[in-house]
């Protein structure tokens, strides 16, 4: 049976503070290894829900990431974009190699 893992990558450098906080929730968990395809997709659902509901503070106002940013989801990838279509952080599913 094939095993999958979930990776993440910060695209925008330096990463904004809220991107670090979003990733901080999963900081010790990446890469998430040895998942079946169903488990990996469920974990991506959890990550997407967390991103949509994540609240961060900018200049004394609370903002929801799912409202202030575009969160794009494909079958195996979630990417968070700014309002100006600049990618910030990406989460994706990849197949584990046999030699790892």
PDB file of N, CA and C in Angstrom:
ATOM      1  N   UNK A   1       0.833  -1.169   0.000  1.00  0.00           N
ATOM      2  CA  UNK A   1       0.000   0.000   0.000  1.00  0.00           C
ATOM      3  C   UNK A   1       0.888   1.246   0.000  1.00  0.00           C
ATOM      4  N   UNK A   2       0.525   2.201  -0.833  1.00  0.00           N
ATOM      5  CA  UNK A   2       1.314   3.420  -0.938  1.00  0.00           C
ATOM      6  C   UNK A   2       1.114   4.305   0.286  1.00  0.00           C
ATOM      7  N   UNK A   3       2.191   4.936   0.699  1.00  0.00           N
ATOM      8  CA  UNK A   3       2.143   5.866   1.828  1.00  0.00           C
ATOM      9  C   UNK A   3       2.410   7.275   1.318  1.00  0.00           C
ATOM     10  N   UNK A   4       1.787   8.230   1.974  1.00  0.00           N
ATOM     11  CA  UNK A   4       1.894   9.625   1.574  1.00  0.00           C
ATOM     12  C   UNK A   4       2.334  10.462   2.762  1.00  0.00           C
ATOM     13  N   UNK A   5       2.814  11.650   2.460  1.00  0.00           N
ATOM     14  CA  UNK A   5       3.158  12.596   3.516  1.00  0.00           C
ATOM     15  C   UNK A   5       2.724  13.998   3.089  1.00  0.00           C
ATOM     16  N   UNK A   6       2.537  14.867   4.077  1.00  0.00           N
ATOM     17  CA  UNK A   6       2.138  16.246   3.829  1.00  0.00           C
ATOM     18  C   UNK A   6       3.311  17.148   4.168  1.00  0.00           C
ATOM     19  N   UNK A   7       3.669  17.993   3.225  1.00  0.00           N
ATOM     20  CA  UNK A   7       4.783  18.935   3.379  1.00  0.00           C
ATOM     21  C   UNK A   7       4.243  20.353   3.379  1.00  0.00           C
ATOM     22  N   UNK A   8       5.085  21.315   3.755  1.00  0.00           N
ATOM     23  CA  UNK A   8       4.726  22.720   3.657  1.00  0.00           C
ATOM     24  C   UNK A   8       5.949  23.513   3.211  1.00  0.00           C
ATOM     25  N   UNK A   9       5.680  24.669   2.587  1.00  0.00           N
ATOM     26  CA  UNK A   9       6.765  25.530   2.142  1.00  0.00           C
ATOM     27  C   UNK A   9       6.320  26.979   2.225  1.00  0.00           C
ATOM     28  N   UNK A  10       7.174  27.814   2.794  1.00  0.00           N
ATOM     29  CA  UNK A  10       6.940  29.254   2.790  1.00  0.00           C
ATOM     30  C   UNK A  10       7.462  29.785   1.463  1.00  0.00           C
ATOM     31  N   UNK A  11       6.600  30.458   0.709  1.00  0.00           N
ATOM     32  CA  UNK A  11       7.001  30.960  -0.600  1.00  0.00           C
ATOM     33  C   UNK A  11       7.482  32.391  -0.486  1.00  0.00           C
ATOM     34  N   UNK A  12       6.748  33.220   0.234  1.00  0.00           N
ATOM     35  CA  UNK A  12       7.103  34.632   0.382  1.00  0.00           C
ATOM     36  C   UNK A  12       8.176  34.750   1.458  1.00  0.00           C
ATOM     37  N   UNK A  13       9.258  35.422   1.126  1.00  0.00           N
ATOM     38  CA  UNK A  13      10.336  35.651   2.078  1.00  0.00           C
ATOM     39  C   UNK A  13      10.471  37.137   2.325  1.00  0.00           C
ATOM     40  N   UNK A  14      10.578  37.615   3.522  1.00  0.00           N
ATOM     41  CA  UNK A  14      10.381  36.868   4.756  1.00  0.00           C
ATOM     42  C   UNK A  14       8.912  36.535   4.956  1.00  0.00           C
ATOM     43  N   UNK A  15       8.680  35.441   5.621  1.00  0.00           N
ATOM     44  CA  UNK A  15       7.306  34.988   5.858  1.00  0.00           C
ATOM     45  C   UNK A  15       6.613  35.940   6.835  1.00  0.00           C
ATOM     46  N   UNK A  16       5.372  36.345   6.524  1.00  0.00           N
ATOM     47  CA  UNK A  16       4.634  37.213   7.458  1.00  0.00           C
ATOM     48  C   UNK A  16       4.405  36.509   8.797  1.00  0.00           C
ATOM     49  N   UNK A  17       4.240  37.289   9.835  1.00  0.00           N
ATOM     50  CA  UNK A  17       4.066  36.741  11.186  1.00  0.00           C
ATOM     51  C   UNK A  17       2.862  35.806  11.254  1.00  0.00           C
ATOM     52  N   UNK A  18       1.753  36.160  10.580  1.00  0.00           N
ATOM     53  CA  UNK A  18       0.582  35.291  10.648  1.00  0.00           C
ATOM     54  C   UNK A  18       0.832  33.956   9.960  1.00  0.00           C
ATOM     55  N   UNK A  19       1.663  33.927   8.911  1.00  0.00           N
ATOM     56  CA  UNK A  19       1.985  32.652   8.255  1.00  0.00           C
ATOM     57  C   UNK A  19       2.795  31.764   9.190  1.00  0.00           C
ATOM     58  N   UNK A  20       3.680  32.379   9.954  1.00  0.00           N
ATOM     59  CA  UNK A  20       4.453  31.612  10.933  1.00  0.00           C
ATOM     60  C   UNK A  20       3.545  31.076  12.030  1.00  0.00           C
ATOM     61  N   UNK A  21       2.563  31.884  12.443  1.00  0.00           N
ATOM     62  CA  UNK A  21       1.632  31.426  13.477  1.00  0.00           C
ATOM     63  C   UNK A  21       0.748  30.300  12.964  1.00  0.00           C
ATOM     64  N   UNK A  22       0.288  30.409  11.725  1.00  0.00           N
ATOM     65  CA  UNK A  22      -0.517  29.336  11.126  1.00  0.00           C
ATOM     66  C   UNK A  22       0.285  28.056  11.092  1.00  0.00           C
ATOM     67  N   UNK A  23       1.518  28.172  10.636  1.00  0.00           N
ATOM     68  CA  UNK A  23       2.374  27.002  10.535  1.00  0.00           C
ATOM     69  C   UNK A  23       2.812  26.521  11.912  1.00  0.00           C
ATOM     70  N   UNK A  24       2.854  27.410  12.893  1.00  0.00           N
ATOM     71  CA  UNK A  24       3.267  27.042  14.240  1.00  0.00           C
ATOM     72  C   UNK A  24       2.369  25.997  14.866  1.00  0.00           C
ATOM     73  N   UNK A  25       1.086  26.013  14.500  1.00  0.00           N
ATOM     74  CA  UNK A  25       0.147  25.014  15.000  1.00  0.00           C
ATOM     75  C   UNK A  25       0.601  23.618  14.597  1.00  0.00           C
ATOM     76  N   UNK A  26       1.178  23.527  13.421  1.00  0.00           N
ATOM     77  CA  UNK A  26       1.627  22.239  12.895  1.00  0.00           C
ATOM     78  C   UNK A  26       3.150  22.099  12.916  1.00  0.00           C
ATOM     79  N   UNK A  27       3.845  23.016  13.600  1.00  0.00           N
ATOM     80  CA  UNK A  27       5.299  23.110  13.502  1.00  0.00           C
ATOM     81  C   UNK A  27       6.015  21.782  13.757  1.00  0.00           C
ATOM     82  N   UNK A  28       5.685  21.116  14.815  1.00  0.00           N
ATOM     83  CA  UNK A  28       6.382  19.878  15.171  1.00  0.00           C
ATOM     84  C   UNK A  28       5.939  18.702  14.309  1.00  0.00           C
ATOM     85  N   UNK A  29       4.877  18.882  13.554  1.00  0.00           N
ATOM     86  CA  UNK A  29       4.284  17.769  12.831  1.00  0.00           C
ATOM     87  C   UNK A  29       4.784  17.620  11.403  1.00  0.00           C
ATOM     88  N   UNK A  30       5.480  18.612  10.837  1.00  0.00           N
ATOM     89  CA  UNK A  30       5.873  18.529   9.436  1.00  0.00           C
ATOM     90  C   UNK A  30       7.234  17.909   9.282  1.00  0.00           C
ATOM     91  N   UNK A  31       7.412  17.066   8.295  1.00  0.00           N
ATOM     92  CA  UNK A  31       6.378  16.527   7.423  1.00  0.00           C
ATOM     93  C   UNK A  31       5.534  15.490   8.158  1.00  0.00           C
ATOM     94  N   UNK A  32       4.258  15.472   7.845  1.00  0.00           N
ATOM     95  CA  UNK A  32       3.351  14.469   8.414  1.00  0.00           C
ATOM     96  C   UNK A  32       3.518  13.222   7.560  1.00  0.00           C
ATOM     97  N   UNK A  33       4.055  12.140   8.141  1.00  0.00           N
ATOM     98  CA  UNK A  33       4.468  10.984   7.359  1.00  0.00           C
ATOM     99  C   UNK A  33       3.562   9.781   7.546  1.00  0.00           C
ATOM    100  N   UNK A  34       3.720   8.826   6.627  1.00  0.00           N
ATOM    101  CA  UNK A  34       3.113   7.497   6.670  1.00  0.00           C
ATOM    102  C   UNK A  34       1.587   7.540   6.781  1.00  0.00           C
ATOM    103  N   UNK A  35       0.963   8.260   5.878  1.00  0.00           N
ATOM    104  CA  UNK A  35      -0.491   8.337   5.830  1.00  0.00           C
ATOM    105  C   UNK A  35      -1.002   7.584   4.613  1.00  0.00           C
ATOM    106  N   UNK A  36      -2.178   7.013   4.742  1.00  0.00           N
ATOM    107  CA  UNK A  36      -2.829   6.466   3.553  1.00  0.00           C
ATOM    108  C   UNK A  36      -3.397   7.641   2.764  1.00  0.00           C
ATOM    109  N   UNK A  37      -3.885   7.373   1.567  1.00  0.00           N
ATOM    110  CA  UNK A  37      -4.417   8.462   0.744  1.00  0.00           C
ATOM    111  C   UNK A  37      -5.620   9.127   1.414  1.00  0.00           C
ATOM    112  N   UNK A  38      -6.512   8.322   2.020  1.00  0.00           N
ATOM    113  CA  UNK A  38      -7.678   8.875   2.706  1.00  0.00           C
ATOM    114  C   UNK A  38      -7.261   9.706   3.915  1.00  0.00           C
ATOM    115  N   UNK A  39      -6.312   9.212   4.704  1.00  0.00           N
ATOM    116  CA  UNK A  39      -5.845   9.952   5.872  1.00  0.00           C
ATOM    117  C   UNK A  39      -5.207  11.270   5.464  1.00  0.00           C
ATOM    118  N   UNK A  40      -4.441  11.259   4.377  1.00  0.00           N
ATOM    119  CA  UNK A  40      -3.794  12.483   3.896  1.00  0.00           C
ATOM    120  C   UNK A  40      -4.841  13.506   3.466  1.00  0.00           C
ATOM    121  N   UNK A  41      -5.880  13.063   2.776  1.00  0.00           N
ATOM    122  CA  UNK A  41      -6.935  13.986   2.344  1.00  0.00           C
ATOM    123  C   UNK A  41      -7.718  14.532   3.539  1.00  0.00           C
ATOM    124  N   UNK A  42      -7.953  13.697   4.542  1.00  0.00           N
ATOM    125  CA  UNK A  42      -8.629  14.178   5.753  1.00  0.00           C
ATOM    126  C   UNK A  42      -7.769  15.202   6.476  1.00  0.00           C
ATOM    127  N   UNK A  43      -6.478  14.957   6.537  1.00  0.00           N
ATOM    128  CA  UNK A  43      -5.564  15.903   7.188  1.00  0.00           C
ATOM    129  C   UNK A  43      -5.531  17.224   6.417  1.00  0.00           C
ATOM    130  N   UNK A  44      -5.589  17.168   5.100  1.00  0.00           N
ATOM    131  CA  UNK A  44      -5.644  18.398   4.295  1.00  0.00           C
ATOM    132  C   UNK A  44      -6.951  19.146   4.555  1.00  0.00           C
ATOM    133  N   UNK A  45      -8.053  18.424   4.771  1.00  0.00           N
ATOM    134  CA  UNK A  45      -9.319  19.069   5.132  1.00  0.00           C
ATOM    135  C   UNK A  45      -9.188  19.814   6.455  1.00  0.00           C
ATOM    136  N   UNK A  46      -8.513  19.189   7.418  1.00  0.00           N
ATOM    137  CA  UNK A  46      -8.293  19.822   8.719  1.00  0.00           C
ATOM    138  C   UNK A  46      -7.450  21.085   8.551  1.00  0.00           C
ATOM    139  N   UNK A  47      -6.395  21.010   7.750  1.00  0.00           N
ATOM    140  CA  UNK A  47      -5.532  22.167   7.516  1.00  0.00           C
ATOM    141  C   UNK A  47      -6.323  23.283   6.843  1.00  0.00           C
ATOM    142  N   UNK A  48      -7.141  22.942   5.840  1.00  0.00           N
ATOM    143  CA  UNK A  48      -7.938  23.956   5.146  1.00  0.00           C
ATOM    144  C   UNK A  48      -8.930  24.632   6.090  1.00  0.00           C
ATOM    145  N   UNK A  49      -9.607  23.852   6.920  1.00  0.00           N
ATOM    146  CA  UNK A  49     -10.543  24.435   7.895  1.00  0.00           C
ATOM    147  C   UNK A  49      -9.815  25.336   8.886  1.00  0.00           C
ATOM    148  N   UNK A  50      -8.645  24.907   9.345  1.00  0.00           N
ATOM    149  CA  UNK A  50      -7.855  25.716  10.264  1.00  0.00           C
ATOM    150  C   UNK A  50      -7.451  27.041   9.608  1.00  0.00           C
ATOM    151  N   UNK A  51      -7.029  26.986   8.342  1.00  0.00           N
ATOM    152  CA  UNK A  51      -6.636  28.202   7.633  1.00  0.00           C
ATOM    153  C   UNK A  51      -7.814  29.150   7.468  1.00  0.00           C
ATOM    154  N   UNK A  52      -8.974  28.626   7.100  1.00  0.00           N
ATOM    155  CA  UNK A  52     -10.154  29.463   6.896  1.00  0.00           C
ATOM    156  C   UNK A  52     -10.602  30.147   8.187  1.00  0.00           C
ATOM    157  N   UNK A  53     -10.441  29.483   9.326  1.00  0.00           N
ATOM    158  CA  UNK A  53     -10.901  30.013  10.601  1.00  0.00           C
ATOM    159  C   UNK A  53      -9.816  30.758  11.390  1.00  0.00           C
ATOM    160  N   UNK A  54      -8.581  30.752  10.888  1.00  0.00           N
ATOM    161  CA  UNK A  54      -7.474  31.361  11.622  1.00  0.00           C
ATOM    162  C   UNK A  54      -7.670  32.876  11.743  1.00  0.00           C
ATOM    163  N   UNK A  55      -7.555  33.400  12.961  1.00  0.00           N
ATOM    164  CA  UNK A  55      -7.702  34.829  13.230  1.00  0.00           C
ATOM    165  C   UNK A  55      -6.344  35.391  13.630  1.00  0.00           C
ATOM    166  N   UNK A  56      -5.954  36.485  12.973  1.00  0.00           N
ATOM    167  CA  UNK A  56      -4.698  37.149  13.307  1.00  0.00           C
ATOM    168  C   UNK A  56      -4.961  38.634  13.536  1.00  0.00           C
ATOM    169  N   UNK A  57      -4.036  39.299  14.224  1.00  0.00           N
ATOM    170  CA  UNK A  57      -4.222  40.706  14.594  1.00  0.00           C
ATOM    171  C   UNK A  57      -3.266  41.576  13.785  1.00  0.00           C
ATOM    172  N   UNK A  58      -3.819  42.624  13.183  1.00  0.00           N
ATOM    173  CA  UNK A  58      -3.029  43.627  12.469  1.00  0.00           C
ATOM    174  C   UNK A  58      -3.513  44.995  12.922  1.00  0.00           C
ATOM    175  N   UNK A  59      -2.628  45.773  13.483  1.00  0.00           N
ATOM    176  CA  UNK A  59      -2.944  47.136  13.924  1.00  0.00           C
ATOM    177  C   UNK A  59      -4.222  47.186  14.761  1.00  0.00           C
ATOM    178  N   UNK A  60      -4.273  46.398  15.783  1.00  0.00           N
ATOM    179  CA  UNK A  60      -5.375  46.355  16.744  1.00  0.00           C
ATOM    180  C   UNK A  60      -6.714  45.903  16.157  1.00  0.00           C
ATOM    181  N   UNK A  61      -6.708  45.250  15.007  1.00  0.00           N
ATOM    182  CA  UNK A  61      -7.961  44.696  14.477  1.00  0.00           C
ATOM    183  C   UNK A  61      -7.761  43.215  14.201  1.00  0.00           C
ATOM    184  N   UNK A  62      -8.792  42.444  14.467  1.00  0.00           N
ATOM    185  CA  UNK A  62      -8.733  41.008  14.230  1.00  0.00           C
ATOM    186  C   UNK A  62      -9.237  40.717  12.820  1.00  0.00           C
ATOM    187  N   UNK A  63      -8.477  39.901  12.099  1.00  0.00           N
ATOM    188  CA  UNK A  63      -8.820  39.531  10.727  1.00  0.00           C
ATOM    189  C   UNK A  63      -8.863  38.017  10.597  1.00  0.00           C
ATOM    190  N   UNK A  64      -9.809  37.508   9.817  1.00  0.00           N
ATOM    191  CA  UNK A  64      -9.864  36.081   9.521  1.00  0.00           C
ATOM    192  C   UNK A  64      -9.115  35.825   8.234  1.00  0.00           C
ATOM    193  N   UNK A  65      -8.239  34.853   8.247  1.00  0.00           N
ATOM    194  CA  UNK A  65      -7.409  34.546   7.085  1.00  0.00           C
ATOM    195  C   UNK A  65      -8.265  34.154   5.883  1.00  0.00           C
ATOM    196  N   UNK A  66      -9.350  33.420   6.107  1.00  0.00           N
ATOM    197  CA  UNK A  66     -10.209  32.983   5.016  1.00  0.00           C
ATOM    198  C   UNK A  66     -10.943  34.125   4.339  1.00  0.00           C
ATOM    199  N   UNK A  67     -11.029  35.279   4.982  1.00  0.00           N
ATOM    200  CA  UNK A  67     -11.714  36.434   4.402  1.00  0.00           C
ATOM    201  C   UNK A  67     -10.712  37.392   3.762  1.00  0.00           C
ATOM    202  N   UNK A  68      -9.592  37.627   4.427  1.00  0.00           N
ATOM    203  CA  UNK A  68      -8.633  38.615   3.944  1.00  0.00           C
ATOM    204  C   UNK A  68      -7.670  38.058   2.898  1.00  0.00           C
ATOM    205  N   UNK A  69      -7.597  36.753   2.765  1.00  0.00           N
ATOM    206  CA  UNK A  69      -6.682  36.128   1.814  1.00  0.00           C
ATOM    207  C   UNK A  69      -7.445  35.115   0.962  1.00  0.00           C
ATOM    208  N   UNK A  70      -6.872  34.786  -0.178  1.00  0.00           N
ATOM    209  CA  UNK A  70      -7.462  33.766  -1.043  1.00  0.00           C
ATOM    210  C   UNK A  70      -6.804  32.434  -0.701  1.00  0.00           C
ATOM    211  N   UNK A  71      -7.613  31.445  -0.369  1.00  0.00           N
ATOM    212  CA  UNK A  71      -7.107  30.106  -0.069  1.00  0.00           C
ATOM    213  C   UNK A  71      -7.578  29.201  -1.196  1.00  0.00           C
ATOM    214  N   UNK A  72      -6.622  28.698  -1.958  1.00  0.00           N
ATOM    215  CA  UNK A  72      -6.923  27.895  -3.134  1.00  0.00           C
ATOM    216  C   UNK A  72      -6.613  26.435  -2.846  1.00  0.00           C
ATOM    217  N   UNK A  73      -7.566  25.566  -3.141  1.00  0.00           N
ATOM    218  CA  UNK A  73      -7.410  24.136  -2.852  1.00  0.00           C
ATOM    219  C   UNK A  73      -7.568  23.340  -4.136  1.00  0.00           C
ATOM    220  N   UNK A  74      -6.623  22.449  -4.396  1.00  0.00           N
ATOM    221  CA  UNK A  74      -6.746  21.465  -5.460  1.00  0.00           C
ATOM    222  C   UNK A  74      -6.773  20.107  -4.790  1.00  0.00           C
ATOM    223  N   UNK A  75      -6.695  19.034  -5.558  1.00  0.00           N
ATOM    224  CA  UNK A  75      -6.763  17.691  -4.979  1.00  0.00           C
ATOM    225  C   UNK A  75      -5.673  17.437  -3.949  1.00  0.00           C
ATOM    226  N   UNK A  76      -4.456  17.899  -4.227  1.00  0.00           N
ATOM    227  CA  UNK A  76      -3.354  17.581  -3.324  1.00  0.00           C
ATOM    228  C   UNK A  76      -2.558  18.799  -2.869  1.00  0.00           C
ATOM    229  N   UNK A  77      -3.110  20.013  -3.003  1.00  0.00           N
ATOM    230  CA  UNK A  77      -2.356  21.218  -2.660  1.00  0.00           C
ATOM    231  C   UNK A  77      -3.292  22.300  -2.117  1.00  0.00           C
ATOM    232  N   UNK A  78      -2.817  23.002  -1.081  1.00  0.00           N
ATOM    233  CA  UNK A  78      -3.502  24.185  -0.554  1.00  0.00           C
ATOM    234  C   UNK A  78      -2.481  25.317  -0.577  1.00  0.00           C
ATOM    235  N   UNK A  79      -2.867  26.441  -1.200  1.00  0.00           N
ATOM    236  CA  UNK A  79      -1.990  27.604  -1.261  1.00  0.00           C
ATOM    237  C   UNK A  79      -2.747  28.817  -0.750  1.00  0.00           C
ATOM    238  N   UNK A  80      -2.086  29.599   0.100  1.00  0.00           N
ATOM    239  CA  UNK A  80      -2.656  30.842   0.618  1.00  0.00           C
ATOM    240  C   UNK A  80      -2.021  31.996  -0.146  1.00  0.00           C
ATOM    241  N   UNK A  81      -2.873  32.856  -0.713  1.00  0.00           N
ATOM    242  CA  UNK A  81      -2.432  34.017  -1.480  1.00  0.00           C
ATOM    243  C   UNK A  81      -2.863  35.302  -0.786  1.00  0.00           C
ATOM    244  N   UNK A  82      -2.112  36.382  -1.002  1.00  0.00           N
ATOM    245  CA  UNK A  82      -2.532  37.702  -0.545  1.00  0.00           C
ATOM    246  C   UNK A  82      -3.604  38.224  -1.488  1.00  0.00           C
ATOM    247  N   UNK A  83      -4.131  39.402  -1.190  1.00  0.00           N
ATOM    248  CA  UNK A  83      -5.108  40.028  -2.076  1.00  0.00           C
ATOM    249  C   UNK A  83      -4.521  40.348  -3.445  1.00  0.00           C
ATOM    250  N   UNK A  84      -3.212  40.476  -3.514  1.00  0.00           N
ATOM    251  CA  UNK A  84      -2.531  40.800  -4.770  1.00  0.00           C
ATOM    252  C   UNK A  84      -2.000  39.554  -5.468  1.00  0.00           C
ATOM    253  N   UNK A  85      -2.539  38.388  -5.147  1.00  0.00           N
ATOM    254  CA  UNK A  85      -2.178  37.096  -5.749  1.00  0.00           C
ATOM    255  C   UNK A  85      -0.715  36.712  -5.567  1.00  0.00           C
ATOM    256  N   UNK A  86      -0.128  37.115  -4.458  1.00  0.00           N
ATOM    257  CA  UNK A  86       1.221  36.681  -4.108  1.00  0.00           C
ATOM    258  C   UNK A  86       1.104  35.462  -3.206  1.00  0.00           C
ATOM    259  N   UNK A  87       1.657  34.310  -3.595  1.00  0.00           N
ATOM    260  CA  UNK A  87       1.560  33.135  -2.735  1.00  0.00           C
ATOM    261  C   UNK A  87       2.390  33.311  -1.456  1.00  0.00           C
ATOM    262  N   UNK A  88       1.825  32.846  -0.342  1.00  0.00           N
ATOM    263  CA  UNK A  88       2.485  32.989   0.959  1.00  0.00           C
ATOM    264  C   UNK A  88       3.032  31.642   1.438  1.00  0.00           C
ATOM    265  N   UNK A  89       2.139  30.660   1.541  1.00  0.00           N
ATOM    266  CA  UNK A  89       2.502  29.350   2.085  1.00  0.00           C
ATOM    267  C   UNK A  89       1.722  28.282   1.328  1.00  0.00           C
ATOM    268  N   UNK A  90       2.358  27.136   1.122  1.00  0.00           N
ATOM    269  CA  UNK A  90       1.738  26.028   0.410  1.00  0.00           C
ATOM    270  C   UNK A  90       1.876  24.755   1.232  1.00  0.00           C
ATOM    271  N   UNK A  91       0.802  23.997   1.285  1.00  0.00           N
ATOM    272  CA  UNK A  91       0.790  22.660   1.877  1.00  0.00           C
ATOM    273  C   UNK A  91       0.465  21.692   0.747  1.00  0.00           C
ATOM    274  N   UNK A  92       1.146  20.535   0.688  1.00  0.00           N
ATOM    275  CA  UNK A  92       0.840  19.584  -0.371  1.00  0.00           C
ATOM    276  C   UNK A  92       1.074  18.155   0.082  1.00  0.00           C
ATOM    277  N   UNK A  93       0.422  17.235  -0.635  1.00  0.00           N
ATOM    278  CA  UNK A  93       0.566  15.801  -0.387  1.00  0.00           C
ATOM    279  C   UNK A  93       1.543  15.264  -1.411  1.00  0.00           C
ATOM    280  N   UNK A  94       2.496  14.486  -0.950  1.00  0.00           N
ATOM    281  CA  UNK A  94       3.396  13.812  -1.889  1.00  0.00           C
ATOM    282  C   UNK A  94       3.586  12.368  -1.461  1.00  0.00           C
ATOM    283  N   UNK A  95       3.921  11.550  -2.418  1.00  0.00           N
ATOM    284  CA  UNK A  95       4.109  10.129  -2.163  1.00  0.00           C
ATOM    285  C   UNK A  95       5.471   9.908  -1.508  1.00  0.00           C
ATOM    286  N   UNK A  96       5.488   9.068  -0.480  1.00  0.00           N
ATOM    287  CA  UNK A  96       6.760   8.771   0.192  1.00  0.00           C
ATOM    288  C   UNK A  96       7.585   7.847  -0.678  1.00  0.00           C
ATOM    289  N   UNK A  97       8.876   8.100  -0.682  1.00  0.00           N
ATOM    290  CA  UNK A  97       9.801   7.230  -1.423  1.00  0.00           C
ATOM    291  C   UNK A  97      10.111   6.015  -0.574  1.00  0.00           C
ATOM    292  N   UNK A  98      10.407   4.898  -1.215  1.00  0.00           N
ATOM    293  CA  UNK A  98      10.658   3.650  -0.499  1.00  0.00           C
ATOM    294  C   UNK A  98      11.938   3.642   0.294  1.00  0.00           C
ATOM    295  N   UNK A  99      12.930   4.469  -0.088  1.00  0.00           N
ATOM    296  CA  UNK A  99      14.237   4.449   0.580  1.00  0.00           C
ATOM    297  C   UNK A  99      14.314   5.343   1.787  1.00  0.00           C
ATOM    298  N   UNK A 100      13.256   6.100   2.105  1.00  0.00           N
ATOM    299  CA  UNK A 100      13.303   7.000   3.266  1.00  0.00           C
ATOM    300  C   UNK A 100      12.927   6.304   4.542  1.00  0.00           C
TER     301      UNK A 100
END
